[in-house]
């Protein structure tokens, strides 16, 4: 259902049966991986005006892969990664990369 580059790839689809209507399909909860998912290829120091999509495009070639940087830095909110100027972000290879 989701491409291999999606953060939701491989997440189980479940159904909630309702007594008053049709069943509702949903994705099971996704947990952040424990530890870095792959080798660290770079470290980015956040500067004023940085955006996570631009950082990801620069290092991974795809702005939609921002979630990989979130996972590697244990962030639930992507915006928190660029709030602090000078913060060091781990940039990792995708799994199998």
PDB file of N, CA and C in Angstrom:
ATOM      1  N   UNK A   1       0.811  -1.181   0.000  1.00  0.00           N
ATOM      2  CA  UNK A   1       0.000   0.000   0.000  1.00  0.00           C
ATOM      3  C   UNK A   1       0.867   1.262   0.000  1.00  0.00           C
ATOM      4  N   UNK A   2       1.977   1.238   0.728  1.00  0.00           N
ATOM      5  CA  UNK A   2       2.878   2.387   0.782  1.00  0.00           C
ATOM      6  C   UNK A   2       4.193   2.006   0.112  1.00  0.00           C
ATOM      7  N   UNK A   3       4.835   2.957  -0.598  1.00  0.00           N
ATOM      8  CA  UNK A   3       6.116   2.647  -1.243  1.00  0.00           C
ATOM      9  C   UNK A   3       7.204   2.376  -0.199  1.00  0.00           C
ATOM     10  N   UNK A   4       8.251   1.716  -0.622  1.00  0.00           N
ATOM     11  CA  UNK A   4       9.358   1.350   0.280  1.00  0.00           C
ATOM     12  C   UNK A   4      10.024   2.569   0.906  1.00  0.00           C
ATOM     13  N   UNK A   5       9.874   3.741   0.321  1.00  0.00           N
ATOM     14  CA  UNK A   5      10.479   4.953   0.870  1.00  0.00           C
ATOM     15  C   UNK A   5       9.603   5.629   1.918  1.00  0.00           C
ATOM     16  N   UNK A   6       8.415   5.115   2.138  1.00  0.00           N
ATOM     17  CA  UNK A   6       7.491   5.717   3.103  1.00  0.00           C
ATOM     18  C   UNK A   6       7.782   5.253   4.515  1.00  0.00           C
ATOM     19  N   UNK A   7       7.577   6.135   5.478  1.00  0.00           N
ATOM     20  CA  UNK A   7       7.748   5.752   6.878  1.00  0.00           C
ATOM     21  C   UNK A   7       6.702   4.715   7.288  1.00  0.00           C
ATOM     22  N   UNK A   8       5.645   4.579   6.516  1.00  0.00           N
ATOM     23  CA  UNK A   8       4.577   3.631   6.845  1.00  0.00           C
ATOM     24  C   UNK A   8       4.720   2.294   6.128  1.00  0.00           C
ATOM     25  N   UNK A   9       5.767   2.137   5.315  1.00  0.00           N
ATOM     26  CA  UNK A   9       5.991   0.883   4.604  1.00  0.00           C
ATOM     27  C   UNK A   9       6.146  -0.252   5.613  1.00  0.00           C
ATOM     28  N   UNK A  10       5.416  -1.311   5.408  1.00  0.00           N
ATOM     29  CA  UNK A  10       5.532  -2.484   6.274  1.00  0.00           C
ATOM     30  C   UNK A  10       4.708  -2.418   7.551  1.00  0.00           C
ATOM     31  N   UNK A  11       4.017  -1.303   7.798  1.00  0.00           N
ATOM     32  CA  UNK A  11       3.183  -1.198   8.994  1.00  0.00           C
ATOM     33  C   UNK A  11       1.875  -1.941   8.718  1.00  0.00           C
ATOM     34  N   UNK A  12       1.466  -2.747   9.651  1.00  0.00           N
ATOM     35  CA  UNK A  12       0.269  -3.567   9.492  1.00  0.00           C
ATOM     36  C   UNK A  12      -0.994  -2.716   9.426  1.00  0.00           C
ATOM     37  N   UNK A  13      -1.888  -3.102   8.524  1.00  0.00           N
ATOM     38  CA  UNK A  13      -3.206  -2.467   8.438  1.00  0.00           C
ATOM     39  C   UNK A  13      -4.165  -3.313   9.258  1.00  0.00           C
ATOM     40  N   UNK A  14      -4.898  -2.678  10.133  1.00  0.00           N
ATOM     41  CA  UNK A  14      -5.856  -3.380  10.988  1.00  0.00           C
ATOM     42  C   UNK A  14      -7.259  -2.841  10.703  1.00  0.00           C
ATOM     43  N   UNK A  15      -8.259  -3.546  11.203  1.00  0.00           N
ATOM     44  CA  UNK A  15      -9.648  -3.106  11.037  1.00  0.00           C
ATOM     45  C   UNK A  15     -10.331  -3.037  12.386  1.00  0.00           C
ATOM     46  N   UNK A  16     -11.122  -1.993  12.555  1.00  0.00           N
ATOM     47  CA  UNK A  16     -11.931  -1.863  13.755  1.00  0.00           C
ATOM     48  C   UNK A  16     -13.378  -2.126  13.326  1.00  0.00           C
ATOM     49  N   UNK A  17     -13.932  -3.179  13.881  1.00  0.00           N
ATOM     50  CA  UNK A  17     -15.317  -3.514  13.551  1.00  0.00           C
ATOM     51  C   UNK A  17     -16.237  -2.612  14.353  1.00  0.00           C
ATOM     52  N   UNK A  18     -17.214  -2.052  13.687  1.00  0.00           N
ATOM     53  CA  UNK A  18     -18.181  -1.177  14.349  1.00  0.00           C
ATOM     54  C   UNK A  18     -19.551  -1.840  14.317  1.00  0.00           C
ATOM     55  N   UNK A  19     -20.304  -1.667  15.370  1.00  0.00           N
ATOM     56  CA  UNK A  19     -21.636  -2.266  15.416  1.00  0.00           C
ATOM     57  C   UNK A  19     -22.655  -1.426  14.644  1.00  0.00           C
ATOM     58  N   UNK A  20     -22.350  -0.151  14.469  1.00  0.00           N
ATOM     59  CA  UNK A  20     -23.322   0.737  13.831  1.00  0.00           C
ATOM     60  C   UNK A  20     -22.915   1.202  12.437  1.00  0.00           C
ATOM     61  N   UNK A  21     -22.014   0.490  11.796  1.00  0.00           N
ATOM     62  CA  UNK A  21     -21.592   0.905  10.463  1.00  0.00           C
ATOM     63  C   UNK A  21     -20.467   0.034   9.945  1.00  0.00           C
ATOM     64  N   UNK A  22     -19.903   0.457   8.821  1.00  0.00           N
ATOM     65  CA  UNK A  22     -18.826  -0.343   8.216  1.00  0.00           C
ATOM     66  C   UNK A  22     -17.550  -0.333   9.067  1.00  0.00           C
ATOM     67  N   UNK A  23     -16.748  -1.362   8.888  1.00  0.00           N
ATOM     68  CA  UNK A  23     -15.464  -1.455   9.583  1.00  0.00           C
ATOM     69  C   UNK A  23     -14.562  -0.302   9.125  1.00  0.00           C
ATOM     70  N   UNK A  24     -13.676   0.117  10.007  1.00  0.00           N
ATOM     71  CA  UNK A  24     -12.742   1.202   9.706  1.00  0.00           C
ATOM     72  C   UNK A  24     -11.334   0.624   9.663  1.00  0.00           C
ATOM     73  N   UNK A  25     -10.659   0.820   8.537  1.00  0.00           N
ATOM     74  CA  UNK A  25      -9.271   0.359   8.404  1.00  0.00           C
ATOM     75  C   UNK A  25      -8.337   1.445   8.937  1.00  0.00           C
ATOM     76  N   UNK A  26      -7.259   1.018   9.604  1.00  0.00           N
ATOM     77  CA  UNK A  26      -6.275   1.967  10.126  1.00  0.00           C
ATOM     78  C   UNK A  26      -4.913   1.300  10.184  1.00  0.00           C
ATOM     79  N   UNK A  27      -3.885   2.115  10.292  1.00  0.00           N
ATOM     80  CA  UNK A  27      -2.524   1.593  10.424  1.00  0.00           C
ATOM     81  C   UNK A  27      -2.212   1.387  11.891  1.00  0.00           C
ATOM     82  N   UNK A  28      -1.547   0.295  12.186  1.00  0.00           N
ATOM     83  CA  UNK A  28      -1.086   0.069  13.554  1.00  0.00           C
ATOM     84  C   UNK A  28      -0.075   1.149  13.904  1.00  0.00           C
ATOM     85  N   UNK A  29       0.170   1.321  15.172  1.00  0.00           N
ATOM     86  CA  UNK A  29       1.097   2.343  15.646  1.00  0.00           C
ATOM     87  C   UNK A  29       2.510   2.058  15.149  1.00  0.00           C
ATOM     88  N   UNK A  30       3.197   3.113  14.748  1.00  0.00           N
ATOM     89  CA  UNK A  30       4.589   3.003  14.316  1.00  0.00           C
ATOM     90  C   UNK A  30       5.478   3.483  15.457  1.00  0.00           C
ATOM     91  N   UNK A  31       6.431   2.658  15.846  1.00  0.00           N
ATOM     92  CA  UNK A  31       7.364   3.018  16.909  1.00  0.00           C
ATOM     93  C   UNK A  31       8.687   3.442  16.293  1.00  0.00           C
ATOM     94  N   UNK A  32       9.338   4.415  16.940  1.00  0.00           N
ATOM     95  CA  UNK A  32      10.667   4.809  16.482  1.00  0.00           C
ATOM     96  C   UNK A  32      11.622   3.647  16.675  1.00  0.00           C
ATOM     97  N   UNK A  33      12.502   3.418  15.701  1.00  0.00           N
ATOM     98  CA  UNK A  33      13.479   2.346  15.862  1.00  0.00           C
ATOM     99  C   UNK A  33      14.430   2.640  17.019  1.00  0.00           C
ATOM    100  N   UNK A  34      14.916   1.602  17.645  1.00  0.00           N
ATOM    101  CA  UNK A  34      15.871   1.762  18.748  1.00  0.00           C
ATOM    102  C   UNK A  34      17.271   1.865  18.148  1.00  0.00           C
ATOM    103  N   UNK A  35      17.958   2.968  18.470  1.00  0.00           N
ATOM    104  CA  UNK A  35      19.304   3.184  17.940  1.00  0.00           C
ATOM    105  C   UNK A  35      19.249   3.619  16.493  1.00  0.00           C
ATOM    106  N   UNK A  36      20.399   3.986  15.942  1.00  0.00           N
ATOM    107  CA  UNK A  36      20.417   4.419  14.544  1.00  0.00           C
ATOM    108  C   UNK A  36      20.081   3.254  13.607  1.00  0.00           C
ATOM    109  N   UNK A  37      19.218   3.484  12.594  1.00  0.00           N
ATOM    110  CA  UNK A  37      18.807   2.414  11.707  1.00  0.00           C
ATOM    111  C   UNK A  37      19.886   1.983  10.727  1.00  0.00           C
ATOM    112  N   UNK A  38      20.905   2.775  10.565  1.00  0.00           N
ATOM    113  CA  UNK A  38      21.974   2.453   9.621  1.00  0.00           C
ATOM    114  C   UNK A  38      23.176   3.333   9.942  1.00  0.00           C
ATOM    115  N   UNK A  39      24.172   3.231   9.103  1.00  0.00           N
ATOM    116  CA  UNK A  39      25.405   3.993   9.311  1.00  0.00           C
ATOM    117  C   UNK A  39      25.174   5.491   9.187  1.00  0.00           C
ATOM    118  N   UNK A  40      25.804   6.231  10.078  1.00  0.00           N
ATOM    119  CA  UNK A  40      25.741   7.693  10.013  1.00  0.00           C
ATOM    120  C   UNK A  40      26.649   8.138   8.873  1.00  0.00           C
ATOM    121  N   UNK A  41      26.085   8.893   7.916  1.00  0.00           N
ATOM    122  CA  UNK A  41      26.868   9.332   6.762  1.00  0.00           C
ATOM    123  C   UNK A  41      27.308  10.785   6.894  1.00  0.00           C
ATOM    124  N   UNK A  42      26.632  11.542   7.769  1.00  0.00           N
ATOM    125  CA  UNK A  42      26.985  12.956   7.942  1.00  0.00           C
ATOM    126  C   UNK A  42      26.384  13.461   9.239  1.00  0.00           C
ATOM    127  N   UNK A  43      26.890  14.598   9.647  1.00  0.00           N
ATOM    128  CA  UNK A  43      26.321  15.308  10.771  1.00  0.00           C
ATOM    129  C   UNK A  43      26.079  16.727  10.271  1.00  0.00           C
ATOM    130  N   UNK A  44      24.882  17.211  10.482  1.00  0.00           N
ATOM    131  CA  UNK A  44      24.528  18.555  10.022  1.00  0.00           C
ATOM    132  C   UNK A  44      24.366  19.453  11.234  1.00  0.00           C
ATOM    133  N   UNK A  45      25.000  20.616  11.205  1.00  0.00           N
ATOM    134  CA  UNK A  45      24.851  21.603  12.263  1.00  0.00           C
ATOM    135  C   UNK A  45      23.774  22.588  11.817  1.00  0.00           C
ATOM    136  N   UNK A  46      22.725  22.699  12.606  1.00  0.00           N
ATOM    137  CA  UNK A  46      21.578  23.550  12.277  1.00  0.00           C
ATOM    138  C   UNK A  46      21.988  25.020  12.291  1.00  0.00           C
ATOM    139  N   UNK A  47      21.623  25.726  11.229  1.00  0.00           N
ATOM    140  CA  UNK A  47      21.846  27.162  11.143  1.00  0.00           C
ATOM    141  C   UNK A  47      20.492  27.860  11.017  1.00  0.00           C
ATOM    142  N   UNK A  48      20.480  29.154  11.208  1.00  0.00           N
ATOM    143  CA  UNK A  48      19.231  29.914  11.138  1.00  0.00           C
ATOM    144  C   UNK A  48      18.588  29.743   9.759  1.00  0.00           C
ATOM    145  N   UNK A  49      17.298  29.470   9.762  1.00  0.00           N
ATOM    146  CA  UNK A  49      16.549  29.314   8.518  1.00  0.00           C
ATOM    147  C   UNK A  49      16.551  27.904   7.960  1.00  0.00           C
ATOM    148  N   UNK A  50      17.275  26.990   8.600  1.00  0.00           N
ATOM    149  CA  UNK A  50      17.277  25.610   8.124  1.00  0.00           C
ATOM    150  C   UNK A  50      15.873  25.018   8.196  1.00  0.00           C
ATOM    151  N   UNK A  51      15.550  24.216   7.182  1.00  0.00           N
ATOM    152  CA  UNK A  51      14.302  23.449   7.173  1.00  0.00           C
ATOM    153  C   UNK A  51      14.670  21.996   6.962  1.00  0.00           C
ATOM    154  N   UNK A  52      13.974  21.127   7.643  1.00  0.00           N
ATOM    155  CA  UNK A  52      14.310  19.711   7.594  1.00  0.00           C
ATOM    156  C   UNK A  52      14.179  19.127   6.194  1.00  0.00           C
ATOM    157  N   UNK A  53      13.182  19.570   5.424  1.00  0.00           N
ATOM    158  CA  UNK A  53      13.045  19.040   4.067  1.00  0.00           C
ATOM    159  C   UNK A  53      14.243  19.424   3.201  1.00  0.00           C
ATOM    160  N   UNK A  54      14.752  20.642   3.374  1.00  0.00           N
ATOM    161  CA  UNK A  54      15.926  21.065   2.604  1.00  0.00           C
ATOM    162  C   UNK A  54      17.182  20.317   3.043  1.00  0.00           C
ATOM    163  N   UNK A  55      17.312  20.080   4.322  1.00  0.00           N
ATOM    164  CA  UNK A  55      18.459  19.320   4.845  1.00  0.00           C
ATOM    165  C   UNK A  55      18.439  17.911   4.262  1.00  0.00           C
ATOM    166  N   UNK A  56      17.266  17.303   4.276  1.00  0.00           N
ATOM    167  CA  UNK A  56      17.135  15.933   3.775  1.00  0.00           C
ATOM    168  C   UNK A  56      17.381  15.869   2.263  1.00  0.00           C
ATOM    169  N   UNK A  57      16.896  16.853   1.538  1.00  0.00           N
ATOM    170  CA  UNK A  57      17.155  16.885   0.097  1.00  0.00           C
ATOM    171  C   UNK A  57      18.649  16.970  -0.175  1.00  0.00           C
ATOM    172  N   UNK A  58      19.342  17.766   0.618  1.00  0.00           N
ATOM    173  CA  UNK A  58      20.788  17.949   0.438  1.00  0.00           C
ATOM    174  C   UNK A  58      21.569  16.651   0.668  1.00  0.00           C
ATOM    175  N   UNK A  59      21.255  15.950   1.742  1.00  0.00           N
ATOM    176  CA  UNK A  59      22.035  14.767   2.112  1.00  0.00           C
ATOM    177  C   UNK A  59      21.507  13.463   1.518  1.00  0.00           C
ATOM    178  N   UNK A  60      20.187  13.335   1.375  1.00  0.00           N
ATOM    179  CA  UNK A  60      19.605  12.080   0.907  1.00  0.00           C
ATOM    180  C   UNK A  60      18.995  12.188  -0.485  1.00  0.00           C
ATOM    181  N   UNK A  61      18.933  13.424  -1.020  1.00  0.00           N
ATOM    182  CA  UNK A  61      18.418  13.600  -2.364  1.00  0.00           C
ATOM    183  C   UNK A  61      16.902  13.560  -2.481  1.00  0.00           C
ATOM    184  N   UNK A  62      16.203  13.587  -1.351  1.00  0.00           N
ATOM    185  CA  UNK A  62      14.738  13.516  -1.389  1.00  0.00           C
ATOM    186  C   UNK A  62      14.172  14.211  -0.160  1.00  0.00           C
ATOM    187  N   UNK A  63      13.490  15.344  -0.345  1.00  0.00           N
ATOM    188  CA  UNK A  63      12.966  16.081   0.813  1.00  0.00           C
ATOM    189  C   UNK A  63      11.901  15.317   1.591  1.00  0.00           C
ATOM    190  N   UNK A  64      11.245  14.352   0.953  1.00  0.00           N
ATOM    191  CA  UNK A  64      10.207  13.587   1.641  1.00  0.00           C
ATOM    192  C   UNK A  64      10.773  12.542   2.600  1.00  0.00           C
ATOM    193  N   UNK A  65      12.083  12.406   2.635  1.00  0.00           N
ATOM    194  CA  UNK A  65      12.718  11.435   3.532  1.00  0.00           C
ATOM    195  C   UNK A  65      13.097  12.065   4.875  1.00  0.00           C
ATOM    196  N   UNK A  66      12.513  13.241   5.181  1.00  0.00           N
ATOM    197  CA  UNK A  66      12.801  13.930   6.442  1.00  0.00           C
ATOM    198  C   UNK A  66      12.573  13.024   7.648  1.00  0.00           C
ATOM    199  N   UNK A  67      11.660  12.096   7.531  1.00  0.00           N
ATOM    200  CA  UNK A  67      11.339  11.208   8.652  1.00  0.00           C
ATOM    201  C   UNK A  67      12.527  10.330   9.034  1.00  0.00           C
ATOM    202  N   UNK A  68      13.429  10.065   8.094  1.00  0.00           N
ATOM    203  CA  UNK A  68      14.627   9.275   8.423  1.00  0.00           C
ATOM    204  C   UNK A  68      15.523  10.050   9.395  1.00  0.00           C
ATOM    205  N   UNK A  69      15.607  11.363   9.197  1.00  0.00           N
ATOM    206  CA  UNK A  69      16.394  12.203  10.096  1.00  0.00           C
ATOM    207  C   UNK A  69      15.707  12.266  11.459  1.00  0.00           C
ATOM    208  N   UNK A  70      14.388  12.337  11.453  1.00  0.00           N
ATOM    209  CA  UNK A  70      13.637  12.313  12.717  1.00  0.00           C
ATOM    210  C   UNK A  70      13.934  11.021  13.476  1.00  0.00           C
ATOM    211  N   UNK A  71      13.836   9.893  12.796  1.00  0.00           N
ATOM    212  CA  UNK A  71      14.096   8.606  13.445  1.00  0.00           C
ATOM    213  C   UNK A  71      15.515   8.530  14.001  1.00  0.00           C
ATOM    214  N   UNK A  72      16.487   8.965  13.197  1.00  0.00           N
ATOM    215  CA  UNK A  72      17.891   8.875  13.609  1.00  0.00           C
ATOM    216  C   UNK A  72      18.204   9.772  14.800  1.00  0.00           C
ATOM    217  N   UNK A  73      17.375  10.807  15.006  1.00  0.00           N
ATOM    218  CA  UNK A  73      17.603  11.750  16.100  1.00  0.00           C
ATOM    219  C   UNK A  73      16.528  11.662  17.174  1.00  0.00           C
ATOM    220  N   UNK A  74      15.768  10.571  17.147  1.00  0.00           N
ATOM    221  CA  UNK A  74      14.723  10.292  18.141  1.00  0.00           C
ATOM    222  C   UNK A  74      13.763  11.460  18.342  1.00  0.00           C
ATOM    223  N   UNK A  75      13.282  12.015  17.239  1.00  0.00           N
ATOM    224  CA  UNK A  75      12.367  13.157  17.307  1.00  0.00           C
ATOM    225  C   UNK A  75      10.965  12.741  16.881  1.00  0.00           C
ATOM    226  N   UNK A  76      10.002  13.077  17.701  1.00  0.00           N
ATOM    227  CA  UNK A  76       8.608  12.830  17.349  1.00  0.00           C
ATOM    228  C   UNK A  76       8.044  13.998  16.537  1.00  0.00           C
ATOM    229  N   UNK A  77       8.535  15.208  16.785  1.00  0.00           N
ATOM    230  CA  UNK A  77       8.096  16.404  16.068  1.00  0.00           C
ATOM    231  C   UNK A  77       9.225  16.879  15.161  1.00  0.00           C
ATOM    232  N   UNK A  78       9.054  16.831  13.854  1.00  0.00           N
ATOM    233  CA  UNK A  78      10.131  17.248  12.947  1.00  0.00           C
ATOM    234  C   UNK A  78      10.640  18.667  13.200  1.00  0.00           C
ATOM    235  N   UNK A  79       9.741  19.596  13.520  1.00  0.00           N
ATOM    236  CA  UNK A  79      10.158  20.989  13.726  1.00  0.00           C
ATOM    237  C   UNK A  79      11.153  21.161  14.869  1.00  0.00           C
ATOM    238  N   UNK A  80      11.101  20.278  15.859  1.00  0.00           N
ATOM    239  CA  UNK A  80      12.007  20.437  16.998  1.00  0.00           C
ATOM    240  C   UNK A  80      13.473  20.272  16.594  1.00  0.00           C
ATOM    241  N   UNK A  81      13.719  19.602  15.490  1.00  0.00           N
ATOM    242  CA  UNK A  81      15.101  19.360  15.076  1.00  0.00           C
ATOM    243  C   UNK A  81      15.806  20.620  14.590  1.00  0.00           C
ATOM    244  N   UNK A  82      15.059  21.591  14.120  1.00  0.00           N
ATOM    245  CA  UNK A  82      15.693  22.813  13.614  1.00  0.00           C
ATOM    246  C   UNK A  82      15.418  24.040  14.483  1.00  0.00           C
ATOM    247  N   UNK A  83      14.841  23.842  15.651  1.00  0.00           N
ATOM    248  CA  UNK A  83      14.550  24.969  16.551  1.00  0.00           C
ATOM    249  C   UNK A  83      15.799  25.554  17.204  1.00  0.00           C
ATOM    250  N   UNK A  84      16.757  24.707  17.482  1.00  0.00           N
ATOM    251  CA  UNK A  84      17.954  25.151  18.209  1.00  0.00           C
ATOM    252  C   UNK A  84      19.139  25.299  17.252  1.00  0.00           C
ATOM    253  N   UNK A  85      19.578  26.548  17.060  1.00  0.00           N
ATOM    254  CA  UNK A  85      20.740  26.819  16.208  1.00  0.00           C
ATOM    255  C   UNK A  85      21.960  26.148  16.844  1.00  0.00           C
ATOM    256  N   UNK A  86      22.740  25.457  16.023  1.00  0.00           N
ATOM    257  CA  UNK A  86      23.934  24.776  16.510  1.00  0.00           C
ATOM    258  C   UNK A  86      23.709  23.305  16.841  1.00  0.00           C
ATOM    259  N   UNK A  87      22.466  22.875  16.859  1.00  0.00           N
ATOM    260  CA  UNK A  87      22.188  21.458  17.144  1.00  0.00           C
ATOM    261  C   UNK A  87      22.794  20.599  16.051  1.00  0.00           C
ATOM    262  N   UNK A  88      23.350  19.463  16.452  1.00  0.00           N
ATOM    263  CA  UNK A  88      23.941  18.528  15.499  1.00  0.00           C
ATOM    264  C   UNK A  88      22.931  17.423  15.202  1.00  0.00           C
ATOM    265  N   UNK A  89      22.645  17.246  13.906  1.00  0.00           N
ATOM    266  CA  UNK A  89      21.707  16.209  13.475  1.00  0.00           C
ATOM    267  C   UNK A  89      22.460  15.069  12.815  1.00  0.00           C
ATOM    268  N   UNK A  90      22.132  13.867  13.217  1.00  0.00           N
ATOM    269  CA  UNK A  90      22.698  12.686  12.555  1.00  0.00           C
ATOM    270  C   UNK A  90      21.924  12.438  11.264  1.00  0.00           C
ATOM    271  N   UNK A  91      22.645  12.255  10.186  1.00  0.00           N
ATOM    272  CA  UNK A  91      22.064  11.889   8.891  1.00  0.00           C
ATOM    273  C   UNK A  91      22.527  10.463   8.618  1.00  0.00           C
ATOM    274  N   UNK A  92      21.569   9.582   8.400  1.00  0.00           N
ATOM    275  CA  UNK A  92      21.910   8.166   8.237  1.00  0.00           C
ATOM    276  C   UNK A  92      21.497   7.648   6.882  1.00  0.00           C
ATOM    277  N   UNK A  93      22.169   6.571   6.486  1.00  0.00           N
ATOM    278  CA  UNK A  93      21.779   5.872   5.257  1.00  0.00           C
ATOM    279  C   UNK A  93      20.430   5.200   5.500  1.00  0.00           C
ATOM    280  N   UNK A  94      19.576   5.143   4.488  1.00  0.00           N
ATOM    281  CA  UNK A  94      18.351   4.365   4.631  1.00  0.00           C
ATOM    282  C   UNK A  94      18.688   2.891   4.839  1.00  0.00           C
ATOM    283  N   UNK A  95      17.789   2.155   5.468  1.00  0.00           N
ATOM    284  CA  UNK A  95      17.992   0.714   5.638  1.00  0.00           C
ATOM    285  C   UNK A  95      18.247   0.084   4.286  1.00  0.00           C
ATOM    286  N   UNK A  96      19.234  -0.779   4.209  1.00  0.00           N
ATOM    287  CA  UNK A  96      19.577  -1.416   2.949  1.00  0.00           C
ATOM    288  C   UNK A  96      20.368  -0.513   2.012  1.00  0.00           C
ATOM    289  N   UNK A  97      20.648   0.746   2.461  1.00  0.00           N
ATOM    290  CA  UNK A  97      21.369   1.705   1.618  1.00  0.00           C
ATOM    291  C   UNK A  97      22.807   1.530   1.763  1.00  0.00           C
TER     292      UNK A  97
END
